[in-house]
Amino acid sequence: MFKTLEARREYDRQYYHKNKEVKKEQNKRSHLKNKEARLKQKREYYHENREDILKSHRENPIRDMYGSAKKRAKEQGVNFNIDSKYLKEIWPKDNKCPVLGYIFKRGRGHPIPTSPTLDRLIPERGYVKGNVQVICNLANIIFSNALPDQVLAAAYHRKKTVDKASLEAIIEILKTIDERTIL
């Protein structure tokens, strides 16, 4: 019937556009009808392959980071144009958080302070190239919804109120923060 694969694809595209609403309704009914069976199959697969799945997630944090960011972007209605290749490019070469210096390490099933996370430099711009960096979860929590001056103000306040034993460590951190804000 069709001379080339491209001709078949063009026919399929035209058919889909002519019958878009009908196809959507058919897919929706099929999805609802088979929902329980699909969920059962997913649970069984996960149960049978749990260790391999967890190992895969531990060994490939970029895939998880990408998928989670894409989902959050859709939920929050912000731009998204990054891909796994870009995340590999911006991943710190020494596998350490550029803010706090921690070696990235992920928790089992939940984030921990050293877990790698994506930080949006300007949150309103979304997950777009040039607006994201890979930092540890603790640094991302510190930066969340705060302007640089607010982070510094909080750090200086904390510096004044902590006991003397930990004061030296905070001063070292503040010195690096001061250097970054000058640049």
N, C-alpha and C. Protein backbone atom coordinates (compact mmCIF):
# COMPACT_ATOMS: atom_id res chain seq x y z
N MET A 1 0.82 -1.20 0.00
CA MET A 1 0.00 0.00 0.00
C MET A 1 0.86 1.26 0.00
N PHE A 2 1.91 1.28 0.82
CA PHE A 2 2.79 2.45 0.89
C PHE A 2 4.12 2.11 0.24
N LYS A 3 4.62 3.06 -0.54
CA LYS A 3 5.88 2.80 -1.25
C LYS A 3 7.10 2.96 -0.34
N THR A 4 7.01 3.87 0.61
CA THR A 4 8.15 4.11 1.52
C THR A 4 7.68 4.18 2.95
N LEU A 5 8.63 4.01 3.82
CA LEU A 5 8.34 4.12 5.24
C LEU A 5 7.89 5.55 5.59
N GLU A 6 8.50 6.51 4.93
CA GLU A 6 8.14 7.91 5.19
C GLU A 6 6.69 8.18 4.76
N ALA A 7 6.25 7.58 3.68
CA ALA A 7 4.86 7.74 3.24
C ALA A 7 3.91 7.17 4.28
N ARG A 8 4.27 6.02 4.84
CA ARG A 8 3.44 5.41 5.90
C ARG A 8 3.38 6.32 7.12
N ARG A 9 4.52 6.86 7.50
CA ARG A 9 4.57 7.76 8.68
C ARG A 9 3.72 9.01 8.45
N GLU A 10 3.78 9.55 7.23
CA GLU A 10 2.99 10.74 6.92
C GLU A 10 1.50 10.42 6.99
N TYR A 11 1.10 9.26 6.48
CA TYR A 11 -0.30 8.84 6.55
C TYR A 11 -0.73 8.72 8.02
N ASP A 12 0.11 8.07 8.85
CA ASP A 12 -0.20 7.90 10.27
C ASP A 12 -0.35 9.25 10.97
N ARG A 13 0.54 10.20 10.64
CA ARG A 13 0.45 11.54 11.26
C ARG A 13 -0.87 12.22 10.89
N GLN A 14 -1.21 12.17 9.62
CA GLN A 14 -2.45 12.80 9.17
C GLN A 14 -3.66 12.14 9.81
N TYR A 15 -3.66 10.81 9.86
CA TYR A 15 -4.76 10.08 10.47
C TYR A 15 -4.90 10.47 11.95
N TYR A 16 -3.77 10.54 12.64
CA TYR A 16 -3.81 10.91 14.06
C TYR A 16 -4.40 12.30 14.24
N HIS A 17 -3.96 13.25 13.43
CA HIS A 17 -4.47 14.62 13.59
C HIS A 17 -5.96 14.73 13.24
N LYS A 18 -6.43 13.96 12.27
CA LYS A 18 -7.85 13.98 11.93
C LYS A 18 -8.69 13.36 13.04
N ASN A 19 -8.15 12.36 13.72
CA ASN A 19 -8.89 11.60 14.72
C ASN A 19 -8.32 11.76 16.13
N LYS A 20 -7.72 12.88 16.39
CA LYS A 20 -7.02 13.11 17.65
C LYS A 20 -7.89 12.88 18.88
N GLU A 21 -9.05 13.48 18.90
CA GLU A 21 -9.92 13.37 20.07
C GLU A 21 -10.43 11.94 20.27
N VAL A 22 -10.77 11.28 19.19
CA VAL A 22 -11.23 9.90 19.28
C VAL A 22 -10.12 9.00 19.83
N LYS A 23 -8.91 9.16 19.31
CA LYS A 23 -7.77 8.36 19.76
C LYS A 23 -7.46 8.62 21.24
N LYS A 24 -7.54 9.89 21.64
CA LYS A 24 -7.30 10.23 23.05
C LYS A 24 -8.31 9.53 23.95
N GLU A 25 -9.56 9.55 23.55
CA GLU A 25 -10.61 8.91 24.35
C GLU A 25 -10.41 7.39 24.40
N GLN A 26 -10.04 6.80 23.28
CA GLN A 26 -9.77 5.35 23.26
C GLN A 26 -8.61 5.00 24.19
N ASN A 27 -7.53 5.78 24.12
CA ASN A 27 -6.37 5.54 24.98
C ASN A 27 -6.72 5.70 26.45
N LYS A 28 -7.54 6.70 26.74
CA LYS A 28 -7.95 6.95 28.13
C LYS A 28 -8.76 5.77 28.67
N ARG A 29 -9.73 5.29 27.88
CA ARG A 29 -10.53 4.14 28.30
C ARG A 29 -9.67 2.90 28.51
N SER A 30 -8.76 2.67 27.58
CA SER A 30 -7.87 1.51 27.69
C SER A 30 -6.99 1.61 28.92
N HIS A 31 -6.50 2.81 29.18
CA HIS A 31 -5.64 3.04 30.35
C HIS A 31 -6.40 2.75 31.65
N LEU A 32 -7.62 3.27 31.75
CA LEU A 32 -8.42 3.05 32.96
C LEU A 32 -8.81 1.58 33.11
N LYS A 33 -9.14 0.94 32.00
CA LYS A 33 -9.57 -0.45 32.02
C LYS A 33 -8.45 -1.38 32.50
N ASN A 34 -7.24 -1.10 32.11
CA ASN A 34 -6.11 -1.97 32.41
C ASN A 34 -5.22 -1.45 33.54
N LYS A 35 -5.68 -0.45 34.25
CA LYS A 35 -4.85 0.19 35.28
C LYS A 35 -4.41 -0.79 36.36
N GLU A 36 -5.33 -1.53 36.91
CA GLU A 36 -5.00 -2.46 38.00
C GLU A 36 -4.02 -3.53 37.53
N ALA A 37 -4.23 -4.06 36.35
CA ALA A 37 -3.32 -5.09 35.83
C ALA A 37 -1.92 -4.54 35.63
N ARG A 38 -1.82 -3.31 35.11
CA ARG A 38 -0.50 -2.69 34.92
C ARG A 38 0.19 -2.44 36.25
N LEU A 39 -0.56 -1.94 37.24
CA LEU A 39 0.02 -1.69 38.55
C LEU A 39 0.50 -2.99 39.20
N LYS A 40 -0.29 -4.03 39.06
CA LYS A 40 0.11 -5.34 39.61
C LYS A 40 1.39 -5.83 38.94
N GLN A 41 1.45 -5.68 37.64
CA GLN A 41 2.64 -6.11 36.89
C GLN A 41 3.87 -5.30 37.33
N LYS A 42 3.69 -4.00 37.52
CA LYS A 42 4.79 -3.14 37.97
C LYS A 42 5.30 -3.57 39.34
N ARG A 43 4.36 -3.81 40.27
CA ARG A 43 4.74 -4.23 41.62
C ARG A 43 5.49 -5.55 41.60
N GLU A 44 5.00 -6.51 40.81
CA GLU A 44 5.66 -7.81 40.72
C GLU A 44 7.07 -7.67 40.14
N TYR A 45 7.20 -6.87 39.10
CA TYR A 45 8.51 -6.66 38.49
C TYR A 45 9.48 -6.03 39.49
N TYR A 46 9.00 -4.99 40.21
CA TYR A 46 9.85 -4.33 41.18
C TYR A 46 10.26 -5.30 42.28
N HIS A 47 9.32 -6.09 42.77
CA HIS A 47 9.62 -7.05 43.83
C HIS A 47 10.67 -8.07 43.38
N GLU A 48 10.54 -8.54 42.16
CA GLU A 48 11.48 -9.54 41.64
C GLU A 48 12.85 -8.95 41.33
N ASN A 49 12.92 -7.66 41.00
CA ASN A 49 14.17 -7.05 40.54
C ASN A 49 14.64 -5.90 41.43
N ARG A 50 14.17 -5.85 42.67
CA ARG A 50 14.42 -4.72 43.56
C ARG A 50 15.91 -4.38 43.69
N GLU A 51 16.74 -5.36 43.97
CA GLU A 51 18.16 -5.10 44.18
C GLU A 51 18.83 -4.55 42.93
N ASP A 52 18.50 -5.11 41.77
CA ASP A 52 19.07 -4.61 40.52
C ASP A 52 18.61 -3.18 40.24
N ILE A 53 17.35 -2.90 40.51
CA ILE A 53 16.82 -1.55 40.30
C ILE A 53 17.52 -0.56 41.21
N LEU A 54 17.64 -0.89 42.49
CA LEU A 54 18.31 0.01 43.43
C LEU A 54 19.78 0.21 43.07
N LYS A 55 20.43 -0.86 42.65
CA LYS A 55 21.84 -0.75 42.23
C LYS A 55 21.96 0.17 41.03
N SER A 56 21.06 0.02 40.08
CA SER A 56 21.07 0.87 38.89
C SER A 56 20.88 2.34 39.25
N HIS A 57 19.99 2.61 40.20
CA HIS A 57 19.76 3.98 40.63
C HIS A 57 20.98 4.56 41.33
N ARG A 58 21.63 3.74 42.16
CA ARG A 58 22.83 4.21 42.86
C ARG A 58 23.96 4.51 41.88
N GLU A 59 24.09 3.67 40.87
CA GLU A 59 25.19 3.81 39.92
C GLU A 59 24.95 4.89 38.87
N ASN A 60 23.73 5.32 38.70
CA ASN A 60 23.42 6.31 37.67
C ASN A 60 22.55 7.43 38.23
N PRO A 61 23.12 8.28 39.07
CA PRO A 61 22.30 9.35 39.66
C PRO A 61 21.84 10.38 38.64
N ILE A 62 22.55 10.49 37.53
CA ILE A 62 22.17 11.49 36.52
C ILE A 62 20.81 11.17 35.93
N ARG A 63 20.55 9.89 35.68
CA ARG A 63 19.25 9.49 35.12
C ARG A 63 18.12 9.88 36.07
N ASP A 64 18.31 9.59 37.36
CA ASP A 64 17.29 9.95 38.35
C ASP A 64 17.12 11.46 38.46
N MET A 65 18.26 12.17 38.47
CA MET A 65 18.24 13.62 38.57
C MET A 65 17.48 14.23 37.39
N TYR A 66 17.75 13.70 36.20
CA TYR A 66 17.08 14.18 34.99
C TYR A 66 15.57 13.94 35.07
N GLY A 67 15.19 12.72 35.40
CA GLY A 67 13.77 12.38 35.46
C GLY A 67 13.02 13.19 36.50
N SER A 68 13.64 13.36 37.67
CA SER A 68 13.00 14.13 38.75
C SER A 68 12.86 15.60 38.36
N ALA A 69 13.90 16.15 37.74
CA ALA A 69 13.84 17.56 37.32
C ALA A 69 12.77 17.77 36.26
N LYS A 70 12.67 16.84 35.35
CA LYS A 70 11.65 16.96 34.29
C LYS A 70 10.25 16.93 34.89
N LYS A 71 10.05 16.04 35.85
CA LYS A 71 8.75 15.93 36.51
C LYS A 71 8.43 17.22 37.28
N ARG A 72 9.41 17.74 38.04
CA ARG A 72 9.19 18.98 38.80
C ARG A 72 8.91 20.15 37.87
N ALA A 73 9.62 20.23 36.76
CA ALA A 73 9.41 21.32 35.81
C ALA A 73 7.98 21.31 35.28
N LYS A 74 7.49 20.13 34.97
CA LYS A 74 6.12 20.01 34.47
C LYS A 74 5.12 20.41 35.55
N GLU A 75 5.34 19.92 36.78
CA GLU A 75 4.43 20.24 37.89
C GLU A 75 4.42 21.73 38.21
N GLN A 76 5.60 22.36 38.14
CA GLN A 76 5.73 23.78 38.51
C GLN A 76 5.50 24.72 37.33
N GLY A 77 5.38 24.16 36.14
CA GLY A 77 5.15 24.98 34.96
C GLY A 77 6.33 25.85 34.59
N VAL A 78 7.56 25.34 34.78
CA VAL A 78 8.75 26.11 34.42
C VAL A 78 9.44 25.47 33.22
N ASN A 79 10.30 26.23 32.58
CA ASN A 79 10.99 25.76 31.38
C ASN A 79 11.92 24.58 31.70
N PHE A 80 12.12 23.73 30.69
CA PHE A 80 12.99 22.57 30.83
C PHE A 80 13.62 22.28 29.48
N ASN A 81 14.96 22.40 29.40
CA ASN A 81 15.63 22.05 28.13
C ASN A 81 16.96 21.34 28.35
N ILE A 82 17.16 20.77 29.53
CA ILE A 82 18.40 20.05 29.78
C ILE A 82 18.24 18.58 29.39
N ASP A 83 19.35 17.89 29.24
CA ASP A 83 19.32 16.46 28.96
C ASP A 83 20.43 15.78 29.76
N SER A 84 20.46 14.46 29.71
CA SER A 84 21.45 13.70 30.48
C SER A 84 22.87 14.06 30.07
N LYS A 85 23.08 14.30 28.80
CA LYS A 85 24.42 14.67 28.32
C LYS A 85 24.88 15.98 28.96
N TYR A 86 23.99 16.95 29.04
CA TYR A 86 24.33 18.22 29.67
C TYR A 86 24.64 18.04 31.16
N LEU A 87 23.85 17.20 31.84
CA LEU A 87 24.10 16.96 33.26
C LEU A 87 25.47 16.31 33.48
N LYS A 88 25.87 15.42 32.56
CA LYS A 88 27.22 14.83 32.66
C LYS A 88 28.29 15.90 32.48
N GLU A 89 28.04 16.87 31.61
CA GLU A 89 29.01 17.95 31.36
C GLU A 89 29.19 18.83 32.59
N ILE A 90 28.10 19.10 33.31
CA ILE A 90 28.21 20.03 34.45
C ILE A 90 28.50 19.31 35.77
N TRP A 91 28.49 17.98 35.75
CA TRP A 91 28.79 17.22 36.97
C TRP A 91 30.22 17.54 37.39
N PRO A 92 30.45 17.90 38.67
CA PRO A 92 31.81 18.22 39.11
C PRO A 92 32.78 17.05 38.86
N LYS A 93 33.92 17.37 38.25
CA LYS A 93 34.89 16.34 37.86
C LYS A 93 35.43 15.57 39.06
N ASP A 94 35.54 16.24 40.21
CA ASP A 94 36.07 15.58 41.40
C ASP A 94 35.00 14.88 42.22
N ASN A 95 33.75 14.88 41.71
CA ASN A 95 32.61 14.23 42.38
C ASN A 95 32.35 14.83 43.77
N LYS A 96 32.65 16.12 43.91
CA LYS A 96 32.43 16.82 45.18
C LYS A 96 31.50 18.00 44.97
N CYS A 97 30.75 18.32 46.02
CA CYS A 97 29.89 19.50 46.00
C CYS A 97 30.77 20.74 45.88
N PRO A 98 30.56 21.58 44.87
CA PRO A 98 31.39 22.77 44.72
C PRO A 98 31.15 23.82 45.81
N VAL A 99 30.07 23.70 46.55
CA VAL A 99 29.75 24.67 47.59
C VAL A 99 30.38 24.27 48.93
N LEU A 100 30.13 23.04 49.36
CA LEU A 100 30.56 22.60 50.68
C LEU A 100 31.72 21.61 50.66
N GLY A 101 32.07 21.11 49.49
CA GLY A 101 33.22 20.22 49.37
C GLY A 101 32.96 18.77 49.74
N TYR A 102 31.72 18.39 50.02
CA TYR A 102 31.41 17.00 50.35
C TYR A 102 31.51 16.13 49.11
N ILE A 103 32.01 14.90 49.28
CA ILE A 103 31.96 13.93 48.20
C ILE A 103 30.50 13.49 48.07
N PHE A 104 30.00 13.47 46.83
CA PHE A 104 28.61 13.08 46.62
C PHE A 104 28.41 11.63 47.04
N LYS A 105 27.37 11.41 47.83
CA LYS A 105 26.97 10.07 48.24
C LYS A 105 25.47 10.10 48.40
N ARG A 106 24.81 9.09 47.86
CA ARG A 106 23.35 9.06 47.89
C ARG A 106 22.86 8.17 49.01
N GLY A 107 21.68 8.53 49.56
CA GLY A 107 21.04 7.71 50.58
C GLY A 107 20.28 6.57 49.92
N ARG A 108 19.87 5.62 50.72
CA ARG A 108 19.08 4.50 50.18
C ARG A 108 17.60 4.86 50.24
N GLY A 109 17.06 5.28 49.11
CA GLY A 109 15.64 5.56 49.02
C GLY A 109 15.22 6.96 49.46
N HIS A 110 16.16 7.74 49.98
CA HIS A 110 15.83 9.11 50.38
C HIS A 110 17.10 9.95 50.32
N PRO A 111 16.94 11.26 50.11
CA PRO A 111 18.14 12.11 50.04
C PRO A 111 18.78 12.29 51.41
N ILE A 112 20.09 12.41 51.40
CA ILE A 112 20.86 12.73 52.61
C ILE A 112 21.64 14.01 52.32
N PRO A 113 22.26 14.63 53.32
CA PRO A 113 22.95 15.91 53.06
C PRO A 113 23.97 15.87 51.92
N THR A 114 24.60 14.73 51.68
CA THR A 114 25.62 14.66 50.63
C THR A 114 25.07 14.19 49.28
N SER A 115 23.77 13.97 49.18
CA SER A 115 23.17 13.55 47.91
C SER A 115 23.32 14.65 46.86
N PRO A 116 23.66 14.28 45.62
CA PRO A 116 23.73 15.30 44.57
C PRO A 116 22.32 15.77 44.19
N THR A 117 22.18 17.08 44.00
CA THR A 117 20.89 17.65 43.59
C THR A 117 21.13 18.71 42.54
N LEU A 118 20.07 19.06 41.83
CA LEU A 118 20.15 20.14 40.85
C LEU A 118 19.68 21.44 41.49
N ASP A 119 20.50 22.44 41.41
CA ASP A 119 20.16 23.76 41.94
C ASP A 119 19.88 24.69 40.77
N ARG A 120 18.73 25.36 40.81
CA ARG A 120 18.43 26.38 39.80
C ARG A 120 18.95 27.71 40.32
N LEU A 121 19.84 28.32 39.57
CA LEU A 121 20.42 29.58 40.01
C LEU A 121 19.35 30.66 40.13
N ILE A 122 18.51 30.76 39.13
CA ILE A 122 17.36 31.66 39.17
C ILE A 122 16.13 30.77 38.98
N PRO A 123 15.43 30.44 40.09
CA PRO A 123 14.36 29.44 40.03
C PRO A 123 13.29 29.70 38.97
N GLU A 124 12.95 30.96 38.73
CA GLU A 124 11.89 31.28 37.78
C GLU A 124 12.25 30.88 36.35
N ARG A 125 13.53 30.81 36.04
CA ARG A 125 13.95 30.45 34.68
C ARG A 125 13.79 28.97 34.40
N GLY A 126 13.69 28.17 35.44
CA GLY A 126 13.47 26.74 35.27
C GLY A 126 14.75 25.96 35.11
N TYR A 127 14.59 24.75 34.60
CA TYR A 127 15.70 23.83 34.40
C TYR A 127 16.21 23.99 32.97
N VAL A 128 16.97 25.05 32.75
CA VAL A 128 17.50 25.33 31.42
C VAL A 128 19.02 25.41 31.49
N LYS A 129 19.63 25.13 30.35
CA LYS A 129 21.09 25.15 30.29
C LYS A 129 21.61 26.51 30.72
N GLY A 130 22.64 26.47 31.57
CA GLY A 130 23.22 27.70 32.09
C GLY A 130 22.58 28.18 33.38
N ASN A 131 21.45 27.59 33.76
CA ASN A 131 20.75 28.02 34.98
C ASN A 131 20.74 26.94 36.05
N VAL A 132 21.44 25.82 35.82
CA VAL A 132 21.45 24.76 36.82
C VAL A 132 22.89 24.38 37.15
N GLN A 133 23.07 23.89 38.37
CA GLN A 133 24.36 23.35 38.78
C GLN A 133 24.11 22.16 39.69
N VAL A 134 25.07 21.25 39.75
CA VAL A 134 24.96 20.08 40.61
C VAL A 134 25.67 20.41 41.93
N ILE A 135 24.89 20.40 43.02
CA ILE A 135 25.44 20.65 44.36
C ILE A 135 24.85 19.62 45.32
N CYS A 136 25.38 19.56 46.52
CA CYS A 136 24.85 18.60 47.49
C CYS A 136 23.51 19.09 48.06
N ASN A 137 22.74 18.16 48.57
CA ASN A 137 21.42 18.45 49.09
C ASN A 137 21.46 19.51 50.20
N LEU A 138 22.44 19.42 51.09
CA LEU A 138 22.54 20.39 52.18
C LEU A 138 22.73 21.80 51.64
N ALA A 139 23.61 21.97 50.67
CA ALA A 139 23.82 23.30 50.08
C ALA A 139 22.55 23.79 49.39
N ASN A 140 21.85 22.89 48.72
CA ASN A 140 20.63 23.27 48.03
C ASN A 140 19.56 23.70 49.04
N ILE A 141 19.48 23.02 50.17
CA ILE A 141 18.53 23.42 51.22
C ILE A 141 18.88 24.81 51.74
N ILE A 142 20.17 25.05 51.94
CA ILE A 142 20.61 26.37 52.42
C ILE A 142 20.22 27.45 51.42
N PHE A 143 20.39 27.17 50.14
CA PHE A 143 20.12 28.16 49.10
C PHE A 143 18.64 28.30 48.74
N SER A 144 17.82 27.33 49.11
CA SER A 144 16.43 27.32 48.68
C SER A 144 15.72 28.64 48.99
N ASN A 145 15.18 29.22 47.94
CA ASN A 145 14.35 30.43 48.06
C ASN A 145 15.02 31.56 48.81
N ALA A 146 16.34 31.60 48.84
CA ALA A 146 17.05 32.69 49.51
C ALA A 146 17.95 33.39 48.49
N LEU A 147 18.03 34.70 48.63
CA LEU A 147 18.94 35.48 47.81
C LEU A 147 20.34 35.39 48.41
N PRO A 148 21.38 35.62 47.61
CA PRO A 148 22.74 35.53 48.15
C PRO A 148 22.97 36.37 49.41
N ASP A 149 22.44 37.57 49.44
CA ASP A 149 22.60 38.41 50.63
C ASP A 149 21.91 37.81 51.85
N GLN A 150 20.78 37.14 51.62
CA GLN A 150 20.08 36.50 52.74
C GLN A 150 20.87 35.30 53.27
N VAL A 151 21.49 34.55 52.37
CA VAL A 151 22.33 33.42 52.80
C VAL A 151 23.50 33.94 53.62
N LEU A 152 24.14 35.01 53.15
CA LEU A 152 25.27 35.59 53.89
C LEU A 152 24.82 36.13 55.24
N ALA A 153 23.68 36.81 55.27
CA ALA A 153 23.18 37.36 56.53
C ALA A 153 22.90 36.24 57.53
N ALA A 154 22.29 35.16 57.06
CA ALA A 154 22.01 34.03 57.94
C ALA A 154 23.32 33.40 58.42
N ALA A 155 24.30 33.29 57.53
CA ALA A 155 25.59 32.70 57.91
C ALA A 155 26.29 33.57 58.94
N TYR A 156 26.29 34.87 58.74
CA TYR A 156 26.92 35.77 59.72
C TYR A 156 26.21 35.70 61.07
N HIS A 157 24.87 35.62 61.04
CA HIS A 157 24.13 35.49 62.30
C HIS A 157 24.49 34.19 62.99
N ARG A 158 24.53 33.12 62.22
CA ARG A 158 24.89 31.82 62.79
C ARG A 158 26.30 31.86 63.37
N LYS A 159 27.18 32.54 62.68
CA LYS A 159 28.57 32.67 63.13
C LYS A 159 28.63 33.30 64.51
N LYS A 160 27.78 34.28 64.76
CA LYS A 160 27.79 34.98 66.06
C LYS A 160 27.19 34.15 67.18
N THR A 161 26.32 33.19 66.84
CA THR A 161 25.57 32.50 67.89
C THR A 161 26.04 31.08 68.21
N VAL A 162 26.97 30.56 67.46
CA VAL A 162 27.42 29.19 67.73
C VAL A 162 28.49 29.16 68.80
N ASP A 163 28.70 27.97 69.34
CA ASP A 163 29.74 27.86 70.37
C ASP A 163 31.12 27.97 69.74
N LYS A 164 32.13 28.24 70.54
CA LYS A 164 33.48 28.52 70.04
C LYS A 164 34.12 27.32 69.36
N ALA A 165 33.75 26.11 69.74
CA ALA A 165 34.36 24.92 69.14
C ALA A 165 34.07 24.82 67.65
N SER A 166 32.86 25.18 67.25
CA SER A 166 32.53 25.07 65.83
C SER A 166 32.72 26.38 65.09
N LEU A 167 33.04 27.44 65.79
CA LEU A 167 33.20 28.75 65.18
C LEU A 167 34.31 28.76 64.13
N GLU A 168 35.41 28.08 64.38
CA GLU A 168 36.53 28.07 63.43
C GLU A 168 36.12 27.43 62.10
N ALA A 169 35.38 26.36 62.16
CA ALA A 169 34.95 25.69 60.92
C ALA A 169 34.02 26.59 60.11
N ILE A 170 33.11 27.28 60.78
CA ILE A 170 32.19 28.17 60.08
C ILE A 170 32.94 29.34 59.46
N ILE A 171 33.94 29.85 60.14
CA ILE A 171 34.74 30.96 59.60
C ILE A 171 35.39 30.53 58.29
N GLU A 172 35.92 29.31 58.24
CA GLU A 172 36.54 28.82 57.01
C GLU A 172 35.52 28.75 55.87
N ILE A 173 34.31 28.31 56.20
CA ILE A 173 33.26 28.25 55.19
C ILE A 173 32.89 29.66 54.74
N LEU A 174 32.78 30.58 55.68
CA LEU A 174 32.42 31.96 55.33
C LEU A 174 33.48 32.61 54.46
N LYS A 175 34.74 32.28 54.68
CA LYS A 175 35.81 32.83 53.85
C LYS A 175 35.61 32.41 52.40
N THR A 176 35.24 31.15 52.17
CA THR A 176 35.02 30.70 50.79
C THR A 176 33.76 31.34 50.22
N ILE A 177 32.74 31.55 51.05
CA ILE A 177 31.52 32.22 50.58
C ILE A 177 31.86 33.65 50.19
N ASP A 178 32.63 34.35 51.03
CA ASP A 178 33.02 35.73 50.71
C ASP A 178 33.76 35.80 49.39
N GLU A 179 34.70 34.84 49.15
CA GLU A 179 35.45 34.83 47.91
C GLU A 179 34.52 34.62 46.72
N ARG A 180 33.52 33.77 46.84
CA ARG A 180 32.62 33.51 45.72
C ARG A 180 31.74 34.73 45.41
N THR A 181 31.32 35.46 46.45
CA THR A 181 30.44 36.60 46.20
C THR A 181 31.21 37.76 45.57
N ILE A 182 32.51 37.83 45.79
CA ILE A 182 33.33 38.88 45.18
C ILE A 182 33.46 38.64 43.69
N LEU A 183 33.56 37.34 43.31
CA LEU A 183 33.72 37.00 41.88
C LEU A 183 32.46 37.24 41.17
